[in-house]
Amino acid sequence: MKFQQIRSATIKITYAGKTFLIDPWLAPRFMSGCLAMIPMMCAMNRGGDPRKKYVFDECSTWEAVKPKHKWLPCPLHSMPMSVKEVNAGVDAYICTHVHLDHIGLAPNGKACQGLDKNRPIYAINRQDADYLAFSGMKDVRVIEDRVTWGDAEIIKVNAVHGTKVPCCDAAGFIFRSPNEKTLYVCGDTVWCDDVAETIEKYHPDVIITNNCAAMLVKNGRLIMDDNDLAKVCAAAPEAVVIASHMDNVPHATLTRKTLSKKLEKKGIRNRVCIPEDGESYTL
């Protein structure tokens, strides 16, 4: 398999001869707005009709732990390559959930900026699928449990997106193939029983975690921190572990640099790859 870190949680995986772009947030730098703008965007797109509901409405309650961070526009950095290069060779998109830092959000309330609207995109449930269709995607498919794409089997697994109150339904994925190592894309989750059980059940050879330890007041920490990552390493001592979802959202509490230092103090820095945007690995 081949792994490429694009930006934030957007990763490009070539597996069993097929290429998947996971959580394709391809918006230009600063062009997905800021947390403070989300309630206005929700209200504007209702057109004064409170009966209109969008899947991103729940994001309007987001409150950054540090108030000044609600005004920081995201993504914080540009992509390391052009949208055309990111899309090159992609067979399908996979969306682990429809938060703006995973699928984008424009002022018109739609997502999927920069995506090929005719290319298949997989959602984790019907609600997310409807939103992707509303955003212009023409071939939206739902992974109820698992799908087969060529020689690759892709299995949806549980994720818990918050230490206090999960901020939405989210999922991870196991990739299996007779001629490939088993891959676990954890998605937006903290360490929890579901993650431990997934590792125990599938024995992944490669694990990709989302690791900027983003936090919101209501939901707590949304994804893994260094302590969670240490638990992943302990649960899968032979696996290659890759820390993704770094350095591009305003509510993050870890950067690549600070995560690296914390892992060094724990004595596990050599267990974890922390790729820069654009960096690739063949595994």
Protein backbone atom coordinates (compact mmCIF):
# COMPACT_ATOMS: atom_id res chain seq x y z
CA MET A 1 0.00 0.00 0.00
CA LYS A 2 0.97 3.61 -0.38
CA PHE A 3 0.08 6.37 2.07
CA GLN A 4 0.25 10.09 1.35
CA GLN A 5 -0.49 12.83 3.84
CA ILE A 6 -2.29 15.63 2.00
CA ARG A 7 -3.41 18.10 4.70
CA SER A 8 -5.15 17.81 8.05
CA ALA A 9 -7.16 14.54 7.98
CA THR A 10 -7.06 14.30 4.19
CA ILE A 11 -5.01 11.28 3.19
CA LYS A 12 -4.52 9.42 -0.07
CA ILE A 13 -4.34 5.64 0.17
CA THR A 14 -3.46 3.30 -2.68
CA TYR A 15 -4.55 -0.16 -1.59
CA ALA A 16 -4.98 -3.38 -3.60
CA GLY A 17 -4.55 -1.46 -6.83
CA LYS A 18 -7.20 1.20 -6.03
CA THR A 19 -6.70 4.75 -4.81
CA PHE A 20 -8.94 6.33 -2.16
CA LEU A 21 -8.97 9.94 -1.01
CA ILE A 22 -10.19 9.93 2.58
CA ASP A 23 -11.81 13.01 4.14
CA PRO A 24 -11.15 15.20 1.11
CA TRP A 25 -11.02 18.76 2.49
CA LEU A 26 -9.60 20.57 -0.52
CA ALA A 27 -10.64 24.15 0.26
CA PRO A 28 -8.04 26.90 -0.27
CA ARG A 29 -6.29 28.28 2.81
CA PHE A 30 -8.65 30.23 5.13
CA MET A 31 -11.66 29.57 2.87
CA SER A 32 -13.73 27.29 5.13
CA GLY A 33 -14.43 30.13 7.52
CA CYS A 34 -14.09 30.06 11.30
CA LEU A 35 -16.06 28.61 14.19
CA ALA A 36 -17.71 31.98 14.86
CA MET A 37 -19.18 32.05 11.34
CA ILE A 38 -20.91 28.66 11.46
CA PRO A 39 -24.13 29.82 13.22
CA MET A 40 -24.47 32.63 10.65
CA MET A 41 -23.94 30.20 7.77
CA CYS A 42 -26.57 27.83 9.19
CA ALA A 43 -29.11 30.65 9.64
CA MET A 44 -28.39 32.12 6.20
CA ASN A 45 -28.95 28.81 4.45
CA ARG A 46 -32.26 28.22 6.21
CA GLY A 47 -33.56 31.36 4.52
CA GLY A 48 -35.56 32.21 7.61
CA ASP A 49 -37.27 28.81 7.69
CA PRO A 50 -36.42 27.05 11.01
CA ARG A 51 -37.76 23.77 9.60
CA LYS A 52 -34.79 23.50 7.27
CA LYS A 53 -32.15 21.32 8.83
CA TYR A 54 -28.64 20.68 7.59
CA VAL A 55 -26.34 18.01 8.86
CA PHE A 56 -23.81 20.66 9.84
CA ASP A 57 -26.33 22.53 12.06
CA GLU A 58 -24.91 20.79 15.12
CA CYS A 59 -21.61 22.56 14.40
CA SER A 60 -23.28 25.88 15.25
CA THR A 61 -22.94 25.02 18.95
CA TRP A 62 -19.17 24.59 18.77
CA GLU A 63 -17.32 26.70 21.33
CA ALA A 64 -13.54 26.82 21.31
CA VAL A 65 -11.80 26.34 24.65
CA LYS A 66 -9.81 29.52 23.96
CA PRO A 67 -12.33 32.18 22.81
CA LYS A 68 -9.89 33.88 20.43
CA HIS A 69 -9.60 30.67 18.44
CA LYS A 70 -13.18 30.93 17.24
CA TRP A 71 -12.07 33.72 14.88
CA LEU A 72 -9.18 31.84 13.27
CA PRO A 73 -10.08 30.92 9.67
CA CYS A 74 -9.31 27.43 8.46
CA PRO A 75 -7.65 25.55 6.96
CA LEU A 76 -4.64 27.23 8.52
CA HIS A 77 -2.30 26.17 5.69
CA SER A 78 -2.42 25.69 1.95
CA MET A 79 -2.31 22.24 0.43
CA PRO A 80 1.15 21.01 -0.58
CA MET A 81 0.02 20.47 -4.17
CA SER A 82 -2.75 21.50 -6.54
CA VAL A 83 -6.31 20.20 -6.33
CA LYS A 84 -5.75 18.56 -9.71
CA GLU A 85 -2.73 16.67 -8.38
CA VAL A 86 -4.62 15.56 -5.28
CA ASN A 87 -7.48 14.21 -7.39
CA ALA A 88 -5.19 12.49 -9.90
CA GLY A 89 -5.73 8.74 -10.01
CA VAL A 90 -8.40 8.69 -7.29
CA ASP A 91 -10.96 5.91 -7.76
CA ALA A 92 -13.27 6.93 -4.93
CA TYR A 93 -13.65 9.31 -2.00
CA ILE A 94 -14.42 8.18 1.55
CA CYS A 95 -15.94 10.55 4.11
CA THR A 96 -15.66 9.48 7.76
CA HIS A 97 -18.14 12.24 8.75
CA VAL A 98 -19.24 15.59 7.36
CA HIS A 99 -17.54 18.13 9.62
CA LEU A 100 -16.10 21.07 7.72
CA ASP A 101 -12.48 20.01 8.35
CA HIS A 102 -13.17 16.68 6.62
CA ILE A 103 -15.35 17.61 3.64
CA GLY A 104 -15.34 21.44 3.51
CA LEU A 105 -18.00 24.10 4.01
CA ALA A 106 -18.74 27.04 1.71
CA PRO A 107 -20.89 30.11 2.48
CA ASN A 108 -23.79 28.50 0.58
CA GLY A 109 -23.84 25.66 3.08
CA LYS A 110 -22.44 23.09 0.67
CA ALA A 111 -19.35 20.92 1.00
CA CYS A 112 -17.13 19.01 -1.44
CA GLN A 113 -15.18 21.96 -2.88
CA GLY A 114 -12.63 20.77 -5.42
CA LEU A 115 -14.00 17.24 -5.73
CA ASP A 116 -14.89 15.51 -8.99
CA LYS A 117 -18.66 15.44 -8.56
CA ASN A 118 -19.01 12.36 -10.81
CA ARG A 119 -16.59 10.25 -8.80
CA PRO A 120 -18.03 7.82 -6.21
CA ILE A 121 -18.03 8.99 -2.61
CA TYR A 122 -18.77 6.77 0.37
CA ALA A 123 -20.66 8.07 3.41
CA ILE A 124 -21.15 6.39 6.77
CA ASN A 125 -24.93 6.87 6.98
CA ARG A 126 -27.93 8.14 5.03
CA GLN A 127 -27.93 11.57 6.69
CA ASP A 128 -24.34 12.23 5.61
CA ALA A 129 -25.09 10.81 2.16
CA ASP A 130 -28.00 13.22 1.71
CA TYR A 131 -25.76 16.15 2.59
CA LEU A 132 -23.10 15.02 0.11
CA ALA A 133 -25.78 14.78 -2.58
CA PHE A 134 -27.04 18.25 -1.61
CA SER A 135 -23.45 19.40 -2.10
CA GLY A 136 -23.46 18.20 -5.70
CA MET A 137 -21.98 14.70 -5.53
CA LYS A 138 -23.72 12.52 -8.11
CA ASP A 139 -22.61 9.03 -7.04
CA VAL A 140 -23.08 8.84 -3.28
CA ARG A 141 -22.94 5.43 -1.62
CA VAL A 142 -23.47 4.42 1.99
CA ILE A 143 -21.23 1.91 3.75
CA GLU A 144 -23.70 0.17 6.02
CA ASP A 145 -21.21 -2.43 7.24
CA ARG A 146 -18.62 -3.16 4.55
CA VAL A 147 -18.02 -2.86 0.83
CA THR A 148 -15.74 -4.61 -1.64
CA TRP A 149 -13.83 -2.52 -4.16
CA GLY A 150 -11.76 -4.71 -6.44
CA ASP A 151 -9.66 -6.90 -4.15
CA ALA A 152 -10.08 -4.55 -1.20
CA GLU A 153 -12.62 -5.13 1.55
CA ILE A 154 -13.46 -1.93 3.46
CA ILE A 155 -15.14 -2.44 6.83
CA LYS A 156 -16.77 0.37 8.82
CA VAL A 157 -15.84 0.40 12.52
CA ASN A 158 -17.01 2.51 15.42
CA ALA A 159 -15.46 5.81 16.49
CA VAL A 160 -16.17 8.01 19.51
CA HIS A 161 -15.75 11.66 18.56
CA GLY A 162 -15.49 13.32 21.98
CA THR A 163 -14.53 12.57 25.58
CA LYS A 164 -17.60 14.33 27.05
CA VAL A 165 -20.39 14.25 24.47
CA PRO A 166 -19.56 12.90 20.98
CA CYS A 167 -20.03 15.80 18.58
CA CYS A 168 -21.45 13.68 15.75
CA ASP A 169 -21.62 10.19 14.31
CA ALA A 170 -18.19 9.30 12.98
CA ALA A 171 -16.47 6.11 11.86
CA GLY A 172 -13.16 4.49 11.11
CA PHE A 173 -12.34 1.87 8.49
CA ILE A 174 -10.45 -1.39 8.22
CA PHE A 175 -8.94 -2.18 4.81
CA ARG A 176 -8.23 -5.86 4.10
CA SER A 177 -6.92 -7.69 1.04
CA PRO A 178 -5.17 -11.04 0.50
CA ASN A 179 -2.14 -9.29 -0.98
CA GLU A 180 -1.89 -6.31 1.35
CA LYS A 181 -1.22 -5.55 4.99
CA THR A 182 -4.30 -4.81 7.06
CA LEU A 183 -4.87 -1.08 7.46
CA TYR A 184 -6.86 0.66 10.20
CA VAL A 185 -7.90 4.26 9.52
CA CYS A 186 -9.16 5.28 12.95
CA GLY A 187 -10.92 8.47 11.85
CA ASP A 188 -11.96 11.11 14.38
CA THR A 189 -12.00 9.21 17.64
CA VAL A 190 -10.46 9.20 21.06
CA TRP A 191 -9.06 6.02 22.58
CA CYS A 192 -12.04 3.97 23.70
CA ASP A 193 -13.27 0.40 23.99
CA ASP A 194 -14.29 0.44 20.30
CA VAL A 195 -10.75 1.25 19.18
CA ALA A 196 -9.26 -1.36 21.50
CA GLU A 197 -11.71 -3.99 20.22
CA THR A 198 -11.02 -3.11 16.58
CA ILE A 199 -7.28 -3.59 17.11
CA GLU A 200 -7.83 -6.86 18.97
CA LYS A 201 -10.22 -8.19 16.32
CA TYR A 202 -8.41 -7.23 13.12
CA HIS A 203 -4.74 -7.08 14.19
CA PRO A 204 -3.89 -4.19 11.84
CA ASP A 205 -0.37 -3.91 10.48
CA VAL A 206 -0.74 -0.17 9.82
CA ILE A 207 -2.76 2.25 11.97
CA ILE A 208 -3.52 5.85 11.03
CA THR A 209 -4.66 8.02 13.94
CA ASN A 210 -6.03 11.56 13.99
CA ASN A 211 -3.92 13.27 16.60
CA CYS A 212 -4.14 17.05 17.01
CA ALA A 213 -6.18 16.63 20.24
CA ALA A 214 -8.74 19.23 19.13
CA MET A 215 -11.03 20.39 21.94
CA LEU A 216 -14.43 22.02 22.32
CA VAL A 217 -16.09 23.17 25.53
CA LYS A 218 -19.21 21.00 25.26
CA ASN A 219 -17.62 17.91 23.76
CA GLY A 220 -14.24 17.76 25.43
CA ARG A 221 -11.28 16.42 23.52
CA LEU A 222 -12.48 15.27 20.11
CA ILE A 223 -9.63 13.10 18.86
CA MET A 224 -6.49 11.43 20.14
CA ASP A 225 -3.72 13.04 22.14
CA ASP A 226 -0.28 11.68 23.05
CA ASN A 227 -1.68 9.53 25.87
CA ASP A 228 -4.20 7.91 23.52
CA LEU A 229 -1.47 7.35 20.98
CA ALA A 230 0.63 5.58 23.61
CA LYS A 231 -2.30 3.23 24.21
CA VAL A 232 -2.54 2.51 20.49
CA CYS A 233 1.16 1.67 20.39
CA ALA A 234 0.83 -0.62 23.41
CA ALA A 235 -2.21 -2.40 21.94
CA ALA A 236 -0.50 -2.96 18.58
CA PRO A 237 3.23 -3.29 19.35
CA GLU A 238 4.13 -4.58 15.88
CA ALA A 239 2.07 -2.09 13.87
CA VAL A 240 3.30 0.91 11.93
CA VAL A 241 1.53 3.91 13.49
CA ILE A 242 1.01 7.14 11.54
CA ALA A 243 -0.26 10.33 13.22
CA SER A 244 -2.39 12.44 10.87
CA HIS A 245 -4.82 15.40 11.22
CA MET A 246 -2.22 17.92 12.38
CA ASP A 247 -1.68 21.68 12.23
CA ASN A 248 -4.75 22.91 10.33
CA VAL A 249 -7.68 23.53 12.70
CA PRO A 250 -7.92 26.35 15.25
CA HIS A 251 -9.19 24.22 18.14
CA ALA A 252 -6.19 21.85 18.08
CA THR A 253 -4.13 21.54 21.25
CA LEU A 254 -1.21 19.60 19.76
CA THR A 255 1.03 20.38 16.80
CA ARG A 256 3.46 18.08 15.05
CA LYS A 257 6.25 19.63 17.10
CA THR A 258 4.56 19.34 20.49
CA LEU A 259 3.30 15.81 19.78
CA SER A 260 6.80 14.75 18.82
CA LYS A 261 8.22 16.13 22.06
CA LYS A 262 5.59 14.40 24.18
CA LEU A 263 6.23 11.08 22.43
CA GLU A 264 9.96 11.49 23.02
CA LYS A 265 9.31 11.92 26.75
CA LYS A 266 7.21 8.74 26.68
CA GLY A 267 10.02 6.88 24.90
CA ILE A 268 7.85 5.98 21.89
CA ARG A 269 8.79 8.63 19.33
CA ASN A 270 10.45 5.95 17.17
CA ARG A 271 7.14 4.04 17.06
CA VAL A 272 5.19 6.82 15.40
CA CYS A 273 5.47 8.45 11.98
CA ILE A 274 4.35 12.10 11.92
CA PRO A 275 4.30 12.97 8.21
CA GLU A 276 4.52 16.49 6.85
CA ASP A 277 1.88 17.57 4.34
CA GLY A 278 2.70 15.99 0.99
CA GLU A 279 4.89 13.26 2.49
CA SER A 280 4.39 9.66 1.28
CA TYR A 281 5.20 6.20 2.59
CA THR A 282 5.18 2.82 0.85
CA LEU A 283 4.22 0.16 3.38
